[in-house]
Structure formats: structure tokens, C-alpha cells
């Protein structure tokens, strides 16, 4: 089992798949055993029940879901910055996720 489980959620689950691979590389280069996966907003609840992630990170296009997830989850929920998302800055987003998990 991975030491950290990071779930990304976007409108269709497609745009975050590239981000997942970049974040996975960042995890490996930092020596962190992490399970990082993406899902669509429609499948988010099922994935949350199945995987029990340590953090949920939302793509900017689904920022409207932030309050709803914060109300029902006991883990950090954060919207990925538009700039980092657009640049697909996997390392910065990964580091942010890890820092939020530790808080």
C-alpha cells in the first residue's frame, strides 16, 4: 500500500491524466511511495469510497465542488492553482499535496 494516496478530480478525468504522470515522476524523484490517480467529477464519490485518499485536489474547472467535498471529507481538499494546472507543473502540485497532507 502506498504511503500517500492523492486523488485528482476534473470535469472528465482526461486533462488530469498527464498531470498524474508528472506528479508520479515528482514522487519517485523525492523517494515517496505515492498512489496518484485522476477521476471525473461524476465518478468522484465512488472513487473516494473505494480509495480513501489522503487528499483531494480539484482541477480549476471543478472549483465549484470544493465546498461540497470539504463538507463531507475529513481530508484536505484544495483547488489546484490555475497557473500550475495550465503549466502541468506536476512537481509543484505534488509538493503542495504532500505539505497539505502533513498539516
Protein backbone atom coordinates (compact mmCIF):
# COMPACT_ATOMS: atom_id res chain seq x y z
CA UNK A 1 0.00 0.00 0.00
CA UNK A 2 1.28 3.45 -0.92
CA UNK A 3 2.32 5.78 1.89
CA UNK A 4 0.32 8.63 0.28
CA UNK A 5 -2.80 8.49 -1.87
CA UNK A 6 -3.54 11.61 -3.91
CA UNK A 7 -6.77 11.93 -5.85
CA UNK A 8 -7.20 14.49 -8.62
CA UNK A 9 -10.64 15.38 -9.90
CA UNK A 10 -11.54 17.30 -13.05
CA UNK A 11 -14.55 17.63 -15.31
CA UNK A 12 -13.97 14.48 -17.37
CA UNK A 13 -10.83 12.95 -15.80
CA UNK A 14 -8.89 13.43 -19.04
CA UNK A 15 -6.90 16.62 -18.58
CA UNK A 16 -5.53 15.44 -15.25
CA UNK A 17 -4.09 12.19 -16.63
CA UNK A 18 -0.97 13.98 -17.93
CA UNK A 19 -0.69 15.73 -14.58
CA UNK A 20 -0.84 12.36 -12.79
CA UNK A 21 2.20 11.08 -14.68
CA UNK A 22 4.14 14.29 -13.95
CA UNK A 23 3.22 14.09 -10.27
CA UNK A 24 4.20 10.41 -10.18
CA UNK A 25 7.66 11.34 -11.53
CA UNK A 26 7.96 14.01 -8.81
CA UNK A 27 7.02 11.43 -6.16
CA UNK A 28 9.64 8.98 -7.46
CA UNK A 29 12.36 11.63 -7.59
CA UNK A 30 11.53 12.55 -3.97
CA UNK A 31 11.55 8.89 -2.88
CA UNK A 32 7.86 8.95 -1.93
CA UNK A 33 5.69 5.88 -2.48
CA UNK A 34 2.50 7.52 -3.71
CA UNK A 35 -0.62 6.36 -5.47
CA UNK A 36 -1.79 9.26 -7.62
CA UNK A 37 -4.89 8.92 -9.76
CA UNK A 38 -7.42 11.07 -11.58
CA UNK A 39 -11.15 10.74 -11.88
CA UNK A 40 -14.06 12.66 -13.31
CA UNK A 41 -16.35 14.74 -11.11
CA UNK A 42 -19.15 12.26 -11.91
CA UNK A 43 -17.12 9.32 -10.51
CA UNK A 44 -15.56 11.20 -7.59
CA UNK A 45 -17.83 9.87 -4.83
CA UNK A 46 -17.33 6.25 -5.86
CA UNK A 47 -13.54 6.70 -6.05
CA UNK A 48 -13.46 8.41 -2.65
CA UNK A 49 -15.21 5.41 -1.08
CA UNK A 50 -13.02 2.92 -2.92
CA UNK A 51 -9.58 4.51 -2.44
CA UNK A 52 -9.84 6.63 0.74
CA UNK A 53 -7.29 9.23 -0.47
CA UNK A 54 -5.16 11.34 1.88
CA UNK A 55 -6.03 14.45 -0.15
CA UNK A 56 -8.40 15.51 -2.90
CA UNK A 57 -7.14 18.07 -5.40
CA UNK A 58 -9.63 19.64 -7.78
CA UNK A 59 -8.90 20.92 -11.26
CA UNK A 60 -9.75 24.62 -11.69
CA UNK A 61 -12.71 23.73 -13.92
CA UNK A 62 -14.48 21.98 -11.00
CA UNK A 63 -13.63 24.51 -8.27
CA UNK A 64 -17.39 24.85 -7.67
CA UNK A 65 -17.27 21.41 -5.98
CA UNK A 66 -14.77 22.49 -3.31
CA UNK A 67 -17.31 23.40 -0.61
CA UNK A 68 -19.34 20.26 -1.19
CA UNK A 69 -16.28 18.00 -0.77
CA UNK A 70 -14.93 19.95 2.22
CA UNK A 71 -18.27 19.45 3.99
CA UNK A 72 -18.20 15.68 3.67
CA UNK A 73 -14.49 14.74 3.81
CA UNK A 74 -12.02 14.57 6.69
CA UNK A 75 -9.03 15.05 4.37
CA UNK A 76 -7.62 18.22 2.80
CA UNK A 77 -9.47 19.45 -0.30
CA UNK A 78 -7.82 22.09 -2.46
CA UNK A 79 -8.31 23.58 -5.91
CA UNK A 80 -5.11 23.35 -7.97
CA UNK A 81 -3.85 26.78 -8.95
CA UNK A 82 -4.86 27.71 -12.49
CA UNK A 83 -1.25 28.58 -13.37
CA UNK A 84 0.23 25.30 -12.08
CA UNK A 85 -2.57 23.34 -13.72
CA UNK A 86 -2.12 25.10 -17.06
CA UNK A 87 1.65 24.58 -16.96
CA UNK A 88 1.15 20.96 -15.83
CA UNK A 89 3.64 21.63 -13.02
CA UNK A 90 3.49 18.15 -11.51
CA UNK A 91 6.34 18.72 -9.08
CA UNK A 92 4.86 21.88 -7.55
CA UNK A 93 1.38 20.35 -7.28
CA UNK A 94 2.80 17.15 -5.77
CA UNK A 95 4.81 19.12 -3.20
CA UNK A 96 1.71 21.16 -2.31
CA UNK A 97 -0.33 17.98 -1.84
CA UNK A 98 2.31 16.47 0.46
CA UNK A 99 2.53 19.65 2.54
CA UNK A 100 -1.28 19.72 2.96
CA UNK A 101 -1.33 16.04 4.00
CA UNK A 102 1.27 16.77 6.71
CA UNK A 103 -0.67 19.74 8.17
